[in-house]
N, C-alpha and C. Protein backbone atom coordinates (compact mmCIF):
# COMPACT_ATOMS: atom_id res chain seq x y z
N UNK A 1 0.88 -1.14 -0.04
CA UNK A 1 0.06 0.03 0.01
C UNK A 1 0.93 1.25 0.07
N UNK A 2 0.38 2.19 -0.67
CA UNK A 2 1.13 3.48 -0.77
C UNK A 2 0.21 4.59 -0.27
N UNK A 3 0.68 5.54 0.47
CA UNK A 3 -0.08 6.62 0.88
C UNK A 3 -0.02 7.72 -0.13
N UNK A 4 -1.09 8.17 -0.70
CA UNK A 4 -1.16 9.15 -1.69
C UNK A 4 -1.88 10.36 -1.11
N UNK A 5 -1.24 11.57 -1.28
CA UNK A 5 -1.76 12.87 -0.70
C UNK A 5 -2.50 13.57 -1.80
N UNK A 6 -3.72 13.99 -1.50
CA UNK A 6 -4.42 14.85 -2.45
C UNK A 6 -4.57 16.23 -1.81
N UNK A 7 -4.41 17.30 -2.55
CA UNK A 7 -4.73 18.62 -2.11
C UNK A 7 -6.12 18.92 -2.81
N UNK A 8 -7.26 18.91 -2.07
CA UNK A 8 -8.56 19.20 -2.68
C UNK A 8 -9.15 20.33 -1.81
N UNK A 9 -9.18 21.54 -2.42
CA UNK A 9 -9.56 22.73 -1.63
C UNK A 9 -10.95 22.57 -1.03
N UNK A 10 -11.94 22.14 -1.78
CA UNK A 10 -13.31 22.11 -1.21
C UNK A 10 -13.50 20.95 -0.34
N UNK A 11 -12.51 20.08 -0.18
CA UNK A 11 -12.64 18.98 0.83
C UNK A 11 -11.94 19.23 2.13
N UNK A 12 -11.12 20.38 2.10
CA UNK A 12 -10.33 20.69 3.28
C UNK A 12 -11.16 21.00 4.40
N UNK A 13 -12.36 21.42 4.26
CA UNK A 13 -13.30 21.58 5.37
C UNK A 13 -13.67 20.40 6.03
N UNK A 14 -13.49 19.21 5.47
CA UNK A 14 -13.78 17.92 6.04
C UNK A 14 -12.81 17.49 7.11
N UNK A 15 -11.70 18.11 7.09
CA UNK A 15 -10.57 17.60 7.97
C UNK A 15 -9.87 18.76 8.67
N UNK A 16 -9.11 18.56 9.60
CA UNK A 16 -8.32 19.59 10.21
C UNK A 16 -7.29 20.10 9.33
N UNK A 17 -6.75 19.33 8.45
CA UNK A 17 -5.74 19.66 7.58
C UNK A 17 -6.20 19.92 6.11
N UNK A 18 -5.56 20.84 5.36
CA UNK A 18 -5.97 20.96 4.01
C UNK A 18 -5.45 19.78 3.05
N UNK A 19 -4.54 18.98 3.61
CA UNK A 19 -4.17 17.83 2.85
C UNK A 19 -4.64 16.59 3.47
N UNK A 20 -5.46 15.84 2.64
CA UNK A 20 -6.03 14.62 3.20
C UNK A 20 -5.25 13.43 2.58
N UNK A 21 -5.13 12.36 3.28
CA UNK A 21 -4.45 11.19 2.73
C UNK A 21 -5.24 9.92 2.87
N UNK A 22 -5.10 9.07 1.99
CA UNK A 22 -5.75 7.71 2.05
C UNK A 22 -4.71 6.74 1.69
N UNK A 23 -4.92 5.48 2.16
CA UNK A 23 -4.00 4.50 1.75
C UNK A 23 -4.66 3.65 0.62
N UNK A 24 -3.91 3.50 -0.43
CA UNK A 24 -4.60 2.94 -1.61
C UNK A 24 -3.50 2.07 -2.40
N UNK A 25 -3.93 1.12 -3.15
CA UNK A 25 -3.00 0.36 -4.10
C UNK A 25 -2.45 1.43 -5.03
N UNK A 26 -1.23 1.12 -5.50
CA UNK A 26 -0.57 2.11 -6.46
C UNK A 26 -1.52 2.36 -7.66
N UNK A 27 -2.16 1.37 -8.23
CA UNK A 27 -2.98 1.65 -9.39
C UNK A 27 -4.44 1.54 -8.95
N UNK A 28 -5.30 2.56 -9.50
CA UNK A 28 -6.77 2.45 -9.21
C UNK A 28 -7.35 1.65 -10.25
N UNK A 29 -8.51 0.94 -9.86
CA UNK A 29 -9.36 0.46 -10.85
C UNK A 29 -10.11 1.68 -11.36
N UNK A 30 -10.09 1.95 -12.55
CA UNK A 30 -10.80 3.12 -13.10
C UNK A 30 -12.15 2.73 -13.69
N UNK A 31 -13.24 3.47 -13.35
CA UNK A 31 -14.54 3.10 -13.71
C UNK A 31 -15.08 4.09 -14.72
N UNK A 32 -14.34 4.43 -15.78
CA UNK A 32 -14.94 5.24 -16.80
C UNK A 32 -15.09 6.78 -16.53
N UNK A 33 -14.33 7.33 -15.52
CA UNK A 33 -14.39 8.72 -15.33
C UNK A 33 -13.51 9.41 -16.33
N UNK A 34 -13.94 10.55 -16.79
CA UNK A 34 -13.17 11.29 -17.81
C UNK A 34 -12.27 12.29 -17.13
N UNK A 35 -12.88 12.94 -16.07
CA UNK A 35 -12.13 14.06 -15.44
C UNK A 35 -11.44 13.45 -14.20
N UNK A 36 -10.08 13.42 -14.18
CA UNK A 36 -9.39 12.84 -13.11
C UNK A 36 -9.49 13.64 -11.82
N UNK A 37 -9.70 14.82 -11.88
CA UNK A 37 -9.93 15.67 -10.68
C UNK A 37 -11.19 15.21 -9.99
N UNK A 38 -12.25 14.96 -10.75
CA UNK A 38 -13.47 14.49 -10.15
C UNK A 38 -13.28 13.10 -9.69
N UNK A 39 -12.53 12.23 -10.38
CA UNK A 39 -12.22 10.87 -9.85
C UNK A 39 -11.48 10.93 -8.56
N UNK A 40 -10.41 11.72 -8.47
CA UNK A 40 -9.63 11.83 -7.19
C UNK A 40 -10.55 12.33 -6.06
N UNK A 41 -11.36 13.25 -6.35
CA UNK A 41 -12.24 13.81 -5.34
C UNK A 41 -13.26 12.77 -4.89
N UNK A 42 -13.83 12.07 -5.89
CA UNK A 42 -14.79 10.95 -5.55
C UNK A 42 -14.13 9.89 -4.74
N UNK A 43 -12.93 9.47 -5.06
CA UNK A 43 -12.23 8.49 -4.20
C UNK A 43 -12.08 8.96 -2.77
N UNK A 44 -11.75 10.27 -2.54
CA UNK A 44 -11.61 10.75 -1.26
C UNK A 44 -12.91 10.86 -0.55
N UNK A 45 -13.97 11.11 -1.22
CA UNK A 45 -15.21 11.07 -0.58
C UNK A 45 -15.70 9.68 -0.16
N UNK A 46 -15.45 8.79 -1.07
CA UNK A 46 -15.74 7.36 -0.80
C UNK A 46 -14.96 6.92 0.46
N UNK A 47 -13.61 7.27 0.53
CA UNK A 47 -12.89 6.86 1.65
C UNK A 47 -13.45 7.37 3.03
N UNK A 48 -13.96 8.55 2.99
CA UNK A 48 -14.56 9.13 4.27
C UNK A 48 -15.84 8.30 4.59
N UNK A 49 -16.49 7.87 3.58
CA UNK A 49 -17.75 7.13 3.85
C UNK A 49 -17.31 5.71 4.37
N UNK A 50 -16.25 5.07 3.88
CA UNK A 50 -15.80 3.80 4.34
C UNK A 50 -15.32 3.98 5.77
N UNK A 51 -14.62 5.10 6.16
CA UNK A 51 -14.18 5.32 7.38
C UNK A 51 -15.37 5.42 8.45
N UNK A 52 -16.35 6.07 7.94
CA UNK A 52 -17.61 6.27 8.84
C UNK A 52 -18.22 4.85 9.05
N UNK A 53 -18.31 4.15 8.02
CA UNK A 53 -18.94 2.82 8.13
C UNK A 53 -18.12 1.91 9.17
N UNK A 54 -16.76 1.96 8.99
CA UNK A 54 -15.96 1.19 9.86
C UNK A 54 -16.09 1.55 11.35
N UNK A 55 -16.14 2.91 11.54
CA UNK A 55 -16.34 3.43 12.86
C UNK A 55 -17.60 2.95 13.49
N UNK A 56 -18.68 3.05 12.78
CA UNK A 56 -19.97 2.68 13.28
C UNK A 56 -20.09 1.15 13.49
N UNK A 57 -19.37 0.38 12.62
CA UNK A 57 -19.33 -1.10 12.77
C UNK A 57 -18.67 -1.54 14.05
N UNK A 58 -17.81 -0.63 14.55
CA UNK A 58 -17.13 -1.04 15.79
C UNK A 58 -17.95 -0.71 17.06
N UNK A 59 -19.18 -0.25 16.82
CA UNK A 59 -20.06 0.02 17.91
C UNK A 59 -19.80 1.54 18.48
N UNK A 60 -19.36 2.39 17.71
CA UNK A 60 -19.11 3.78 18.21
C UNK A 60 -20.38 4.31 18.76
N UNK A 61 -20.28 5.14 19.87
CA UNK A 61 -21.36 5.85 20.47
C UNK A 61 -20.80 7.29 20.82
N UNK A 62 -21.61 8.31 20.52
CA UNK A 62 -21.21 9.69 20.77
C UNK A 62 -21.02 9.84 22.29
N UNK A 63 -20.12 10.67 22.64
CA UNK A 63 -19.82 11.01 24.02
C UNK A 63 -20.61 12.23 24.46
N UNK A 64 -21.23 12.07 25.57
CA UNK A 64 -22.02 13.18 26.07
C UNK A 64 -21.10 13.95 27.12
N UNK A 65 -21.05 15.25 26.86
CA UNK A 65 -20.28 16.07 27.71
C UNK A 65 -21.25 16.74 28.71
N UNK A 66 -21.07 16.48 30.00
CA UNK A 66 -22.00 16.84 30.99
C UNK A 66 -22.04 18.41 31.25
N UNK A 67 -23.16 18.98 31.65
CA UNK A 67 -23.19 20.44 31.96
C UNK A 67 -22.29 20.73 33.05
N UNK A 68 -21.82 21.98 33.16
CA UNK A 68 -20.91 22.29 34.21
C UNK A 68 -21.12 23.76 34.54
N UNK A 69 -20.87 24.10 35.77
CA UNK A 69 -20.85 25.50 36.19
C UNK A 69 -19.55 26.15 35.96
N UNK A 70 -19.52 27.21 35.32
CA UNK A 70 -18.32 27.93 34.99
C UNK A 70 -17.99 28.94 36.02
N UNK A 71 -16.71 29.47 35.89
CA UNK A 71 -16.19 30.30 36.94
C UNK A 71 -16.99 31.61 37.28
N UNK A 72 -17.87 32.09 36.34
CA UNK A 72 -18.68 33.22 36.54
C UNK A 72 -20.11 32.86 36.96
N UNK A 73 -20.31 31.57 37.45
CA UNK A 73 -21.63 30.97 37.86
C UNK A 73 -22.54 30.69 36.74
N UNK A 74 -22.21 30.94 35.50
CA UNK A 74 -23.13 30.50 34.46
C UNK A 74 -22.96 29.03 34.26
N UNK A 75 -24.00 28.44 33.71
CA UNK A 75 -23.98 26.98 33.52
C UNK A 75 -23.83 26.72 32.06
N UNK A 76 -22.88 25.92 31.69
CA UNK A 76 -22.68 25.49 30.37
C UNK A 76 -23.44 24.27 30.12
N UNK A 77 -24.40 24.27 29.24
CA UNK A 77 -25.22 23.03 28.97
C UNK A 77 -24.46 21.91 28.37
N UNK A 78 -24.91 20.69 28.62
CA UNK A 78 -24.28 19.53 28.01
C UNK A 78 -24.49 19.36 26.49
N UNK A 79 -23.64 18.63 25.91
CA UNK A 79 -23.73 18.47 24.47
C UNK A 79 -23.09 17.08 24.08
N UNK A 80 -23.38 16.68 22.83
CA UNK A 80 -22.79 15.40 22.35
C UNK A 80 -21.52 15.80 21.55
N UNK A 81 -20.44 15.10 21.86
CA UNK A 81 -19.19 15.25 21.14
C UNK A 81 -19.05 14.05 20.28
N UNK A 82 -18.88 14.30 18.91
CA UNK A 82 -18.81 13.25 17.86
C UNK A 82 -17.34 13.15 17.38
N UNK A 83 -16.98 11.92 17.10
CA UNK A 83 -15.67 11.73 16.39
C UNK A 83 -15.71 12.52 15.14
N UNK A 84 -14.60 13.14 14.72
CA UNK A 84 -14.57 13.88 13.43
C UNK A 84 -14.94 13.03 12.23
N UNK A 85 -14.62 11.70 12.30
CA UNK A 85 -15.00 10.83 11.17
C UNK A 85 -16.59 10.78 10.93
N UNK A 86 -17.35 11.07 11.99
CA UNK A 86 -18.79 11.08 11.85
C UNK A 86 -19.15 12.24 10.83
N UNK A 87 -18.72 13.42 11.19
CA UNK A 87 -19.08 14.57 10.36
C UNK A 87 -18.36 14.47 8.94
N UNK A 88 -17.14 14.03 8.90
CA UNK A 88 -16.46 13.92 7.59
C UNK A 88 -17.20 12.96 6.68
N UNK A 89 -17.77 11.82 7.27
CA UNK A 89 -18.52 10.89 6.48
C UNK A 89 -19.79 11.41 5.99
N UNK A 90 -20.58 12.11 6.99
CA UNK A 90 -21.89 12.61 6.57
C UNK A 90 -21.61 13.73 5.47
N UNK A 91 -20.72 14.61 5.67
CA UNK A 91 -20.47 15.61 4.60
C UNK A 91 -20.04 15.07 3.34
N UNK A 92 -19.21 14.10 3.41
CA UNK A 92 -18.85 13.39 2.12
C UNK A 92 -20.02 12.84 1.49
N UNK A 93 -20.90 12.17 2.21
CA UNK A 93 -22.07 11.55 1.56
C UNK A 93 -22.94 12.58 0.94
N UNK A 94 -23.09 13.75 1.62
CA UNK A 94 -23.93 14.81 1.13
C UNK A 94 -23.28 15.47 -0.14
N UNK A 95 -22.00 15.40 -0.19
CA UNK A 95 -21.23 15.95 -1.43
C UNK A 95 -21.34 15.02 -2.57
N UNK A 96 -21.29 13.66 -2.26
CA UNK A 96 -21.40 12.67 -3.28
C UNK A 96 -22.86 12.52 -3.84
N UNK A 97 -23.80 12.60 -2.99
CA UNK A 97 -25.20 12.43 -3.40
C UNK A 97 -25.87 13.79 -3.85
N UNK A 98 -25.38 14.89 -3.33
CA UNK A 98 -26.03 16.21 -3.43
C UNK A 98 -26.99 16.39 -2.26
N UNK A 99 -27.12 17.55 -1.81
CA UNK A 99 -27.99 17.88 -0.75
C UNK A 99 -29.43 17.89 -1.18
N UNK A 100 -30.39 17.47 -0.31
CA UNK A 100 -31.76 17.56 -0.53
C UNK A 100 -32.31 18.88 0.03
N UNK A 101 -32.48 19.87 -0.75
CA UNK A 101 -32.94 21.15 -0.26
C UNK A 101 -34.42 21.11 0.13
N UNK A 102 -35.10 20.06 -0.20
CA UNK A 102 -36.58 19.90 0.09
C UNK A 102 -36.76 18.72 1.08
N UNK A 103 -35.73 18.48 1.85
CA UNK A 103 -35.66 17.28 2.79
C UNK A 103 -36.90 17.29 3.71
N UNK A 104 -37.39 18.47 4.08
CA UNK A 104 -38.53 18.46 5.05
C UNK A 104 -39.80 17.93 4.35
N UNK A 105 -39.87 18.17 3.05
CA UNK A 105 -41.05 17.63 2.34
C UNK A 105 -40.92 16.20 1.94
N UNK A 106 -39.69 15.73 1.83
CA UNK A 106 -39.41 14.28 1.46
C UNK A 106 -39.14 13.39 2.52
N UNK A 107 -38.80 13.83 3.72
CA UNK A 107 -38.37 12.89 4.81
C UNK A 107 -39.41 11.91 5.26
N UNK A 108 -40.67 12.27 5.35
CA UNK A 108 -41.70 11.40 5.73
C UNK A 108 -41.85 10.14 4.87
N UNK A 109 -41.79 10.39 3.54
CA UNK A 109 -41.94 9.37 2.56
C UNK A 109 -40.72 8.48 2.65
N UNK A 110 -39.57 9.03 2.78
CA UNK A 110 -38.25 8.29 2.86
C UNK A 110 -38.23 7.44 4.16
N UNK A 111 -38.62 7.98 5.30
CA UNK A 111 -38.53 7.28 6.56
C UNK A 111 -39.50 6.00 6.56
N UNK A 112 -40.52 6.07 5.71
CA UNK A 112 -41.41 4.97 5.63
C UNK A 112 -40.91 3.79 4.74
N UNK A 113 -39.83 4.11 4.00
CA UNK A 113 -39.36 3.12 3.09
C UNK A 113 -38.33 2.22 3.85
N UNK A 114 -38.04 1.11 3.30
CA UNK A 114 -37.03 0.29 3.85
C UNK A 114 -35.68 0.77 3.31
N UNK A 115 -34.77 0.85 4.19
CA UNK A 115 -33.42 1.41 3.76
C UNK A 115 -32.79 0.51 2.71
N UNK A 116 -33.11 -0.80 2.77
CA UNK A 116 -32.44 -1.76 1.79
C UNK A 116 -32.90 -1.43 0.33
N UNK A 117 -33.97 -0.73 0.18
CA UNK A 117 -34.47 -0.38 -1.18
C UNK A 117 -34.37 1.13 -1.44
N UNK A 118 -33.59 1.77 -0.64
CA UNK A 118 -33.37 3.27 -0.75
C UNK A 118 -32.48 3.47 -2.11
N UNK A 119 -32.96 4.52 -2.78
CA UNK A 119 -32.27 4.98 -4.04
C UNK A 119 -31.35 6.26 -3.60
N UNK A 120 -30.43 6.65 -4.42
CA UNK A 120 -29.59 7.77 -4.22
C UNK A 120 -30.35 9.04 -3.68
N UNK A 121 -31.45 9.32 -4.28
CA UNK A 121 -32.19 10.54 -3.88
C UNK A 121 -32.75 10.34 -2.52
N UNK A 122 -33.14 9.18 -2.12
CA UNK A 122 -33.67 8.80 -0.80
C UNK A 122 -32.50 9.03 0.26
N UNK A 123 -31.31 8.50 -0.12
CA UNK A 123 -30.15 8.65 0.81
C UNK A 123 -29.78 10.15 0.99
N UNK A 124 -29.86 10.89 -0.09
CA UNK A 124 -29.71 12.33 0.02
C UNK A 124 -30.56 12.98 1.03
N UNK A 125 -31.81 12.56 1.07
CA UNK A 125 -32.74 13.04 2.07
C UNK A 125 -32.34 12.64 3.42
N UNK A 126 -31.97 11.36 3.59
CA UNK A 126 -31.58 10.82 4.93
C UNK A 126 -30.37 11.66 5.46
N UNK A 127 -29.32 11.81 4.65
CA UNK A 127 -28.11 12.40 5.19
C UNK A 127 -28.39 13.93 5.46
N UNK A 128 -29.19 14.48 4.58
CA UNK A 128 -29.48 15.99 4.87
C UNK A 128 -30.31 16.08 6.14
N UNK A 129 -31.27 15.14 6.29
CA UNK A 129 -32.19 15.24 7.48
C UNK A 129 -31.32 14.94 8.75
N UNK A 130 -30.39 14.02 8.78
CA UNK A 130 -29.59 13.74 9.92
C UNK A 130 -28.71 14.86 10.28
N UNK A 131 -28.07 15.55 9.28
CA UNK A 131 -27.22 16.59 9.70
C UNK A 131 -27.89 17.88 10.04
N UNK A 132 -29.09 18.16 9.44
CA UNK A 132 -29.94 19.25 9.78
C UNK A 132 -30.64 19.07 11.21
N UNK A 133 -30.92 17.77 11.45
CA UNK A 133 -31.52 17.46 12.71
C UNK A 133 -30.68 17.71 13.88
N UNK A 134 -29.35 17.37 13.79
CA UNK A 134 -28.37 17.59 14.82
C UNK A 134 -28.23 19.10 15.03
N UNK A 135 -28.30 19.90 13.96
CA UNK A 135 -28.14 21.39 14.08
C UNK A 135 -29.25 21.95 14.98
N UNK A 136 -30.42 21.44 14.81
CA UNK A 136 -31.56 21.98 15.47
C UNK A 136 -31.96 21.30 16.77
N UNK A 137 -31.37 20.09 16.96
CA UNK A 137 -31.72 19.37 18.17
C UNK A 137 -30.42 18.60 18.69
N UNK A 138 -29.80 19.04 19.66
CA UNK A 138 -28.55 18.38 20.17
C UNK A 138 -28.97 16.91 20.48
N UNK A 139 -28.16 15.93 20.07
CA UNK A 139 -28.30 14.54 20.34
C UNK A 139 -29.16 13.77 19.33
N UNK A 140 -29.70 14.49 18.42
CA UNK A 140 -30.49 13.80 17.31
C UNK A 140 -29.60 12.82 16.56
N UNK A 141 -28.42 13.18 16.18
CA UNK A 141 -27.45 12.31 15.51
C UNK A 141 -27.05 11.20 16.47
N UNK A 142 -26.75 11.45 17.67
CA UNK A 142 -26.38 10.50 18.64
C UNK A 142 -27.51 9.39 18.73
N UNK A 143 -28.78 9.76 18.66
CA UNK A 143 -29.82 8.73 18.65
C UNK A 143 -29.83 7.89 17.40
N UNK A 144 -29.56 8.59 16.35
CA UNK A 144 -29.50 7.84 14.93
C UNK A 144 -28.31 6.83 15.01
N UNK A 145 -27.20 7.28 15.72
CA UNK A 145 -26.09 6.28 15.77
C UNK A 145 -26.45 5.17 16.71
N UNK A 146 -26.99 5.41 17.88
CA UNK A 146 -27.34 4.39 18.88
C UNK A 146 -28.42 3.38 18.40
N UNK A 147 -29.35 3.82 17.56
CA UNK A 147 -30.43 2.89 17.14
C UNK A 147 -30.00 2.24 15.86
N UNK A 148 -28.85 2.50 15.31
CA UNK A 148 -28.34 1.88 14.02
C UNK A 148 -28.87 2.52 12.77
N UNK A 149 -29.62 3.61 12.79
CA UNK A 149 -30.18 4.17 11.68
C UNK A 149 -29.12 4.73 10.71
N UNK A 150 -28.06 5.39 11.34
CA UNK A 150 -26.95 5.94 10.41
C UNK A 150 -26.21 4.84 9.83
N UNK A 151 -25.92 3.80 10.60
CA UNK A 151 -25.15 2.72 10.02
C UNK A 151 -25.86 2.13 8.88
N UNK A 152 -27.14 1.87 8.93
CA UNK A 152 -27.98 1.27 7.90
C UNK A 152 -27.94 2.11 6.63
N UNK A 153 -28.00 3.41 6.76
CA UNK A 153 -27.99 4.32 5.64
C UNK A 153 -26.60 4.28 4.98
N UNK A 154 -25.58 4.28 5.76
CA UNK A 154 -24.20 4.29 5.29
C UNK A 154 -23.92 2.98 4.52
N UNK A 155 -24.33 1.78 5.10
CA UNK A 155 -24.18 0.59 4.47
C UNK A 155 -24.92 0.53 3.05
N UNK A 156 -26.07 1.12 3.04
CA UNK A 156 -26.80 1.21 1.83
C UNK A 156 -26.03 1.99 0.72
N UNK A 157 -25.50 3.07 1.25
CA UNK A 157 -24.76 4.02 0.25
C UNK A 157 -23.51 3.21 -0.12
N UNK A 158 -22.84 2.48 0.72
CA UNK A 158 -21.70 1.67 0.22
C UNK A 158 -22.16 0.64 -0.89
N UNK A 159 -23.35 0.06 -0.74
CA UNK A 159 -23.86 -0.90 -1.75
C UNK A 159 -24.13 -0.25 -3.04
N UNK A 160 -24.66 0.86 -3.07
CA UNK A 160 -24.86 1.71 -4.33
C UNK A 160 -23.62 2.12 -4.89
N UNK A 161 -22.55 2.50 -4.17
CA UNK A 161 -21.30 2.90 -4.68
C UNK A 161 -20.65 1.69 -5.36
N UNK A 162 -20.70 0.58 -4.70
CA UNK A 162 -20.10 -0.66 -5.24
C UNK A 162 -20.77 -1.11 -6.48
N UNK A 163 -22.09 -0.85 -6.59
CA UNK A 163 -22.83 -1.23 -7.79
C UNK A 163 -22.61 -0.19 -8.90
N UNK A 164 -22.02 0.93 -8.66
CA UNK A 164 -21.74 1.91 -9.67
C UNK A 164 -22.99 2.81 -9.81
N UNK A 165 -23.98 2.87 -9.00
CA UNK A 165 -25.17 3.67 -9.07
C UNK A 165 -24.92 5.10 -8.77
N UNK A 166 -23.93 5.32 -7.82
CA UNK A 166 -23.66 6.65 -7.33
C UNK A 166 -22.36 7.13 -8.00
N UNK A 167 -22.27 8.40 -8.57
CA UNK A 167 -21.08 8.96 -9.07
C UNK A 167 -20.97 10.42 -8.76
N UNK A 168 -19.75 10.89 -8.87
CA UNK A 168 -19.49 12.30 -8.47
C UNK A 168 -18.99 13.07 -9.69
N UNK A 169 -19.34 14.30 -9.85
CA UNK A 169 -20.28 15.02 -9.06
C UNK A 169 -21.71 14.59 -9.22
N UNK A 170 -22.56 14.82 -8.24
CA UNK A 170 -23.92 14.39 -8.41
C UNK A 170 -24.70 15.11 -9.54
N UNK A 171 -25.31 14.33 -10.34
CA UNK A 171 -25.95 14.90 -11.57
C UNK A 171 -26.97 15.93 -11.24
N UNK A 172 -27.77 15.67 -10.16
CA UNK A 172 -28.68 16.60 -9.66
C UNK A 172 -29.15 16.17 -8.25
N UNK A 173 -29.67 17.17 -7.62
CA UNK A 173 -30.22 16.84 -6.26
C UNK A 173 -31.55 16.18 -6.48
N UNK A 174 -32.18 15.70 -5.45
CA UNK A 174 -33.47 15.08 -5.60
C UNK A 174 -34.49 15.75 -6.45
N UNK A 175 -34.95 15.15 -7.46
CA UNK A 175 -35.99 15.73 -8.28
C UNK A 175 -37.35 15.67 -7.60
N UNK A 176 -38.21 16.66 -7.80
CA UNK A 176 -39.55 16.57 -7.18
C UNK A 176 -40.45 15.79 -8.12
């Protein structure tokens, strides 16, 4: 295995460092991509998704940081602290699938579906809903992690990637 470093400006926000690395065989299996920049970026996004899957498969649980009284007698509320790979994987999935800007309208229909039959547009809704849910409700994502919802959606995304159904950049976000 060789470590290859990619400098991808719009992926730098997924990590502490602007240079991201993955371990990969010296030669890629190339699946018909014309633009190598997009191919390299796609490979990096997929690596973040695999890292997320591996972390969840190990039984990862978010850490709750308890409330505490500060020196000026204010109380700092508790919150969930997530491993950076959680957000890296979710953001990579949203970049790979495209964000669902109408997720509030689509989420009820998607939640009623079986994850095993979810299509890329459905997964776009799931990932957007999970990330937005955490923004507006602390612990929303921790619940998705603990009940296995996030892991099921990530595994389905990996299946679609392996089947060649998902490609980067996303052709379009979820169509109405």
